[in-house]
Amino acid sequence: MQPWRDFVHFGVPCYDERSLGGIKIGAEGAKALANALANNESLHTLSLSSNNIGDKGVTALANALAYNGSLQTLSLNDIHIGDEGATALANALANNESLQLLDLHSNEIGDEGAKALANALVSNKSLRKLALYRNKIGAEGATALANALANNESLQTLSLECNGIGHKGVTALANALANNESLQTL
């Protein structure tokens, strides 16, 4: 039996932290995990990194995240998602009040995904760390994130290195720092 199947079969109540990275979960496995995650009240850390989950799988996870009140850390780096998956996660963040760390590094997220996440940051009050390094975010996405920082009082760390944000994106982020008192690391 695969490790993620144990996770789903037990209904997850016995876990508070689970790493299922690099075990070839795929989109179907992510959908099964999403069903377990939606009703879980004990899991606070979940890593699904280095799995080929894709946008469809992460959309199922995002739908569950919108209803989950216990998850604080979610690592989804290198899971082959783009703007569609980032937008689904952003929609979930608008309703989620428990997630504090969202790691999305080493994916294919571009400006549209960054804009969706920026919109979520305006209303989300729980997220403390957002890792978006090694994606495909340009100046437009960085500017949207910078604008969101003006209205966000909870985010403490925003990681954007190894993106093509350019001079315009850096300038927008620098200007945002003048008005944001919560961000400690950029």
C-alpha atoms as a PDB file:
ATOM      1  CA  MET A   1       0.000   0.000   0.000  1.00  0.00           C
ATOM      2  CA  GLN A   2       1.316   3.479  -0.860  1.00  0.00           C
ATOM      3  CA  PRO A   3       1.936   5.934   2.033  1.00  0.00           C
ATOM      4  CA  TRP A   4      -0.693   8.369   0.817  1.00  0.00           C
ATOM      5  CA  ARG A   5      -3.293   5.599   0.817  1.00  0.00           C
ATOM      6  CA  ASP A   6      -2.653   5.005   4.545  1.00  0.00           C
ATOM      7  CA  PHE A   7      -3.164   8.710   5.070  1.00  0.00           C
ATOM      8  CA  VAL A   8      -6.526   8.613   3.303  1.00  0.00           C
ATOM      9  CA  HIS A   9      -7.727   5.315   4.817  1.00  0.00           C
ATOM     10  CA  PHE A  10      -7.106   6.393   8.391  1.00  0.00           C
ATOM     11  CA  GLY A  11      -9.063   9.596   7.828  1.00  0.00           C
ATOM     12  CA  VAL A  12      -5.958  11.382   9.090  1.00  0.00           C
ATOM     13  CA  PRO A  13      -6.951  11.860  12.755  1.00  0.00           C
ATOM     14  CA  CYS A  14      -3.800  10.118  13.980  1.00  0.00           C
ATOM     15  CA  TYR A  15      -1.448  12.549  12.224  1.00  0.00           C
ATOM     16  CA  ASP A  16      -0.509  16.103  13.100  1.00  0.00           C
ATOM     17  CA  GLU A  17       2.385  16.304  10.641  1.00  0.00           C
ATOM     18  CA  ARG A  18       2.847  14.393   7.402  1.00  0.00           C
ATOM     19  CA  SER A  19       5.467  14.462   4.643  1.00  0.00           C
ATOM     20  CA  LEU A  20       4.454  12.753   1.430  1.00  0.00           C
ATOM     21  CA  GLY A  21       7.095  14.340  -0.771  1.00  0.00           C
ATOM     22  CA  GLY A  22       8.470  12.597  -3.834  1.00  0.00           C
ATOM     23  CA  ILE A  23       6.268   9.508  -3.679  1.00  0.00           C
ATOM     24  CA  LYS A  24       4.566   9.883  -7.065  1.00  0.00           C
ATOM     25  CA  ILE A  25       1.167  10.921  -5.752  1.00  0.00           C
ATOM     26  CA  GLY A  26      -0.066  12.506  -8.981  1.00  0.00           C
ATOM     27  CA  ALA A  27      -3.342  14.344  -9.522  1.00  0.00           C
ATOM     28  CA  GLU A  28      -5.550  11.388  -8.567  1.00  0.00           C
ATOM     29  CA  GLY A  29      -3.721  10.851  -5.294  1.00  0.00           C
ATOM     30  CA  ALA A  30      -4.001  14.571  -4.553  1.00  0.00           C
ATOM     31  CA  LYS A  31      -7.756  14.396  -5.097  1.00  0.00           C
ATOM     32  CA  ALA A  32      -8.024  11.493  -2.638  1.00  0.00           C
ATOM     33  CA  LEU A  33      -5.912  13.408  -0.109  1.00  0.00           C
ATOM     34  CA  ALA A  34      -8.136  16.443  -0.576  1.00  0.00           C
ATOM     35  CA  ASN A  35     -11.173  14.461   0.541  1.00  0.00           C
ATOM     36  CA  ALA A  36      -9.364  13.473   3.734  1.00  0.00           C
ATOM     37  CA  LEU A  37      -8.014  16.984   4.296  1.00  0.00           C
ATOM     38  CA  ALA A  38     -11.376  18.731   3.998  1.00  0.00           C
ATOM     39  CA  ASN A  39     -12.695  17.204   7.230  1.00  0.00           C
ATOM     40  CA  ASN A  40      -9.444  16.882   9.133  1.00  0.00           C
ATOM     41  CA  GLU A  41      -9.083  18.753  12.413  1.00  0.00           C
ATOM     42  CA  SER A  42      -5.647  17.607  13.605  1.00  0.00           C
ATOM     43  CA  LEU A  43      -3.154  17.873  10.744  1.00  0.00           C
ATOM     44  CA  HIS A  44      -1.114  21.071  11.009  1.00  0.00           C
ATOM     45  CA  THR A  45       1.762  20.362   8.569  1.00  0.00           C
ATOM     46  CA  LEU A  46       1.574  18.715   5.151  1.00  0.00           C
ATOM     47  CA  SER A  47       4.310  18.418   2.540  1.00  0.00           C
ATOM     48  CA  LEU A  48       3.443  17.135  -0.913  1.00  0.00           C
ATOM     49  CA  SER A  49       6.596  18.488  -2.549  1.00  0.00           C
ATOM     50  CA  SER A  50       8.235  16.919  -5.594  1.00  0.00           C
ATOM     51  CA  ASN A  51       5.116  15.143  -6.818  1.00  0.00           C
ATOM     52  CA  ASN A  52       3.551  15.568 -10.251  1.00  0.00           C
ATOM     53  CA  ILE A  53       0.267  16.877  -8.837  1.00  0.00           C
ATOM     54  CA  GLY A  54      -0.375  19.578 -11.439  1.00  0.00           C
ATOM     55  CA  ASP A  55      -3.111  22.188 -11.596  1.00  0.00           C
ATOM     56  CA  LYS A  56      -6.027  19.736 -11.418  1.00  0.00           C
ATOM     57  CA  GLY A  57      -4.685  17.986  -8.328  1.00  0.00           C
ATOM     58  CA  VAL A  58      -3.847  21.225  -6.542  1.00  0.00           C
ATOM     59  CA  THR A  59      -7.306  22.600  -7.356  1.00  0.00           C
ATOM     60  CA  ALA A  60      -8.829  19.690  -5.432  1.00  0.00           C
ATOM     61  CA  LEU A  61      -6.446  20.377  -2.540  1.00  0.00           C
ATOM     62  CA  ALA A  62      -7.336  24.070  -2.636  1.00  0.00           C
ATOM     63  CA  ASN A  63     -11.047  23.290  -2.409  1.00  0.00           C
ATOM     64  CA  ALA A  64     -10.330  21.255   0.730  1.00  0.00           C
ATOM     65  CA  LEU A  65      -8.052  23.955   2.138  1.00  0.00           C
ATOM     66  CA  ALA A  66     -10.907  26.438   2.025  1.00  0.00           C
ATOM     67  CA  TYR A  67     -12.730  24.318   4.636  1.00  0.00           C
ATOM     68  CA  ASN A  68      -9.789  23.109   6.702  1.00  0.00           C
ATOM     69  CA  GLY A  69      -9.248  24.901  10.002  1.00  0.00           C
ATOM     70  CA  SER A  70      -6.161  23.124  11.329  1.00  0.00           C
ATOM     71  CA  LEU A  71      -3.502  23.157   8.595  1.00  0.00           C
ATOM     72  CA  GLN A  72      -0.799  25.738   9.311  1.00  0.00           C
ATOM     73  CA  THR A  73       1.989  24.696   6.919  1.00  0.00           C
ATOM     74  CA  LEU A  74       1.526  23.492   3.348  1.00  0.00           C
ATOM     75  CA  SER A  75       4.540  22.711   1.154  1.00  0.00           C
ATOM     76  CA  LEU A  76       3.700  22.397  -2.517  1.00  0.00           C
ATOM     77  CA  ASN A  77       7.066  23.113  -4.085  1.00  0.00           C
ATOM     78  CA  ASP A  78       7.986  21.402  -7.348  1.00  0.00           C
ATOM     79  CA  ILE A  79       4.527  19.961  -8.009  1.00  0.00           C
ATOM     80  CA  HIS A  80       4.189  21.260 -11.582  1.00  0.00           C
ATOM     81  CA  ILE A  81       1.537  23.929 -11.074  1.00  0.00           C
ATOM     82  CA  GLY A  82       1.043  27.149 -12.991  1.00  0.00           C
ATOM     83  CA  ASP A  83      -1.332  30.078 -12.874  1.00  0.00           C
ATOM     84  CA  GLU A  84      -4.445  27.888 -12.713  1.00  0.00           C
ATOM     85  CA  GLY A  85      -3.244  26.076  -9.600  1.00  0.00           C
ATOM     86  CA  ALA A  86      -2.030  29.289  -7.964  1.00  0.00           C
ATOM     87  CA  THR A  87      -5.411  30.900  -8.611  1.00  0.00           C
ATOM     88  CA  ALA A  88      -7.214  27.965  -6.999  1.00  0.00           C
ATOM     89  CA  LEU A  89      -4.964  28.254  -3.943  1.00  0.00           C
ATOM     90  CA  ALA A  90      -5.549  32.007  -3.833  1.00  0.00           C
ATOM     91  CA  ASN A  91      -9.307  31.454  -3.794  1.00  0.00           C
ATOM     92  CA  ALA A  92      -8.869  29.059  -0.868  1.00  0.00           C
ATOM     93  CA  LEU A  93      -6.725  31.578   1.022  1.00  0.00           C
ATOM     94  CA  ALA A  94      -9.577  34.059   0.910  1.00  0.00           C
ATOM     95  CA  ASN A  95     -11.575  31.731   3.198  1.00  0.00           C
ATOM     96  CA  ASN A  96      -8.839  29.975   5.154  1.00  0.00           C
ATOM     97  CA  GLU A  97      -7.938  31.349   8.587  1.00  0.00           C
ATOM     98  CA  SER A  98      -5.338  28.825   9.761  1.00  0.00           C
ATOM     99  CA  LEU A  99      -2.635  28.556   7.083  1.00  0.00           C
ATOM    100  CA  GLN A 100       0.529  30.402   8.093  1.00  0.00           C
ATOM    101  CA  LEU A 101       3.104  29.093   5.606  1.00  0.00           C
ATOM    102  CA  LEU A 102       2.517  28.345   1.932  1.00  0.00           C
ATOM    103  CA  ASP A 103       5.542  27.101  -0.008  1.00  0.00           C
ATOM    104  CA  LEU A 104       5.064  27.213  -3.773  1.00  0.00           C
ATOM    105  CA  HIS A 105       8.678  27.503  -4.915  1.00  0.00           C
ATOM    106  CA  SER A 106      10.018  25.777  -8.042  1.00  0.00           C
ATOM    107  CA  ASN A 107       6.759  25.712  -9.977  1.00  0.00           C
ATOM    108  CA  GLU A 108       5.545  27.427 -13.167  1.00  0.00           C
ATOM    109  CA  ILE A 109       3.560  30.269 -11.574  1.00  0.00           C
ATOM    110  CA  GLY A 110       3.523  33.428 -13.693  1.00  0.00           C
ATOM    111  CA  ASP A 111       2.047  36.890 -13.426  1.00  0.00           C
ATOM    112  CA  GLU A 112      -1.598  35.773 -13.442  1.00  0.00           C
ATOM    113  CA  GLY A 113      -1.017  33.378 -10.555  1.00  0.00           C
ATOM    114  CA  ALA A 114       0.915  36.049  -8.656  1.00  0.00           C
ATOM    115  CA  LYS A 115      -1.934  38.520  -9.189  1.00  0.00           C
ATOM    116  CA  ALA A 116      -4.448  36.026  -7.810  1.00  0.00           C
ATOM    117  CA  LEU A 117      -2.253  35.390  -4.771  1.00  0.00           C
ATOM    118  CA  ALA A 118      -1.862  39.147  -4.311  1.00  0.00           C
ATOM    119  CA  ASN A 119      -5.649  39.558  -4.251  1.00  0.00           C
ATOM    120  CA  ALA A 120      -5.847  36.859  -1.576  1.00  0.00           C
ATOM    121  CA  LEU A 121      -3.219  38.621   0.534  1.00  0.00           C
ATOM    122  CA  VAL A 122      -5.441  41.674   0.778  1.00  0.00           C
ATOM    123  CA  SER A 123      -8.079  39.774   2.774  1.00  0.00           C
ATOM    124  CA  ASN A 124      -6.090  36.901   4.319  1.00  0.00           C
ATOM    125  CA  LYS A 125      -5.002  37.583   7.902  1.00  0.00           C
ATOM    126  CA  SER A 126      -3.261  34.308   8.820  1.00  0.00           C
ATOM    127  CA  LEU A 127      -0.515  33.791   6.214  1.00  0.00           C
ATOM    128  CA  ARG A 128       2.929  34.679   7.592  1.00  0.00           C
ATOM    129  CA  LYS A 129       5.222  33.242   4.908  1.00  0.00           C
ATOM    130  CA  LEU A 130       4.744  32.889   1.150  1.00  0.00           C
ATOM    131  CA  ALA A 131       7.539  31.252  -0.846  1.00  0.00           C
ATOM    132  CA  LEU A 132       7.344  31.943  -4.573  1.00  0.00           C
ATOM    133  CA  TYR A 133      10.989  31.727  -5.586  1.00  0.00           C
ATOM    134  CA  ARG A 134      12.008  29.890  -8.767  1.00  0.00           C
ATOM    135  CA  ASN A 135       8.766  30.530 -10.619  1.00  0.00           C
ATOM    136  CA  LYS A 136       7.989  32.615 -13.712  1.00  0.00           C
ATOM    137  CA  ILE A 137       6.771  35.799 -12.057  1.00  0.00           C
ATOM    138  CA  GLY A 138       7.565  39.014 -13.921  1.00  0.00           C
ATOM    139  CA  ALA A 139       7.260  42.707 -13.144  1.00  0.00           C
ATOM    140  CA  GLU A 140       3.469  42.641 -13.447  1.00  0.00           C
ATOM    141  CA  GLY A 141       3.094  39.901 -10.830  1.00  0.00           C
ATOM    142  CA  ALA A 142       5.644  41.525  -8.515  1.00  0.00           C
ATOM    143  CA  THR A 143       3.820  44.848  -8.774  1.00  0.00           C
ATOM    144  CA  ALA A 144       0.526  43.178  -7.847  1.00  0.00           C
ATOM    145  CA  LEU A 145       2.188  41.561  -4.826  1.00  0.00           C
ATOM    146  CA  ALA A 146       3.699  44.923  -3.866  1.00  0.00           C
ATOM    147  CA  ASN A 147       0.281  46.583  -4.036  1.00  0.00           C
ATOM    148  CA  ALA A 148      -1.152  43.847  -1.816  1.00  0.00           C
ATOM    149  CA  LEU A 149       1.533  44.462   0.790  1.00  0.00           C
ATOM    150  CA  ALA A 150       0.098  47.932   1.331  1.00  0.00           C
ATOM    151  CA  ASN A 151      -3.058  46.341   2.766  1.00  0.00           C
ATOM    152  CA  ASN A 152      -1.622  43.222   4.385  1.00  0.00           C
ATOM    153  CA  GLU A 153      -0.626  43.282   8.043  1.00  0.00           C
ATOM    154  CA  SER A 154       0.222  39.618   8.600  1.00  0.00           C
ATOM    155  CA  LEU A 155       2.767  38.529   5.965  1.00  0.00           C
ATOM    156  CA  GLN A 156       6.277  38.495   7.431  1.00  0.00           C
ATOM    157  CA  THR A 157       8.242  36.733   4.669  1.00  0.00           C
ATOM    158  CA  LEU A 158       7.835  36.922   0.900  1.00  0.00           C
ATOM    159  CA  SER A 159      10.395  34.982  -1.148  1.00  0.00           C
ATOM    160  CA  LEU A 160      10.640  35.990  -4.792  1.00  0.00           C
ATOM    161  CA  GLU A 161      14.243  35.260  -5.761  1.00  0.00           C
ATOM    162  CA  CYS A 162      14.975  33.624  -9.135  1.00  0.00           C
ATOM    163  CA  ASN A 163      11.982  35.218 -10.867  1.00  0.00           C
ATOM    164  CA  GLY A 164      12.194  37.723 -13.710  1.00  0.00           C
ATOM    165  CA  ILE A 165      10.684  40.650 -11.810  1.00  0.00           C
ATOM    166  CA  GLY A 166      13.180  43.162 -13.205  1.00  0.00           C
ATOM    167  CA  HIS A 167      13.735  46.787 -12.249  1.00  0.00           C
ATOM    168  CA  LYS A 168      10.041  47.692 -12.339  1.00  0.00           C
ATOM    169  CA  GLY A 169       9.089  44.838 -10.008  1.00  0.00           C
ATOM    170  CA  VAL A 170      11.919  45.596  -7.584  1.00  0.00           C
ATOM    171  CA  THR A 171      10.964  49.276  -7.512  1.00  0.00           C
ATOM    172  CA  ALA A 172       7.326  48.438  -6.754  1.00  0.00           C
ATOM    173  CA  LEU A 173       8.374  46.110  -3.932  1.00  0.00           C
ATOM    174  CA  ALA A 174      10.787  48.688  -2.503  1.00  0.00           C
ATOM    175  CA  ASN A 175       8.042  51.318  -2.500  1.00  0.00           C
ATOM    176  CA  ALA A 176       5.679  48.883  -0.764  1.00  0.00           C
ATOM    177  CA  LEU A 177       8.138  48.435   2.086  1.00  0.00           C
ATOM    178  CA  ALA A 178       7.679  52.084   3.030  1.00  0.00           C
ATOM    179  CA  ASN A 179       4.043  51.398   3.969  1.00  0.00           C
ATOM    180  CA  ASN A 180       4.195  47.842   5.277  1.00  0.00           C
ATOM    181  CA  GLU A 181       5.135  47.233   8.907  1.00  0.00           C
ATOM    182  CA  SER A 182       4.753  43.447   9.089  1.00  0.00           C
ATOM    183  CA  LEU A 183       7.110  42.245   6.329  1.00  0.00           C
ATOM    184  CA  GLN A 184      10.480  41.295   7.810  1.00  0.00           C
ATOM    185  CA  THR A 185      12.069  39.347   4.956  1.00  0.00           C
ATOM    186  CA  LEU A 186      11.856  39.986   1.239  1.00  0.00           C
END
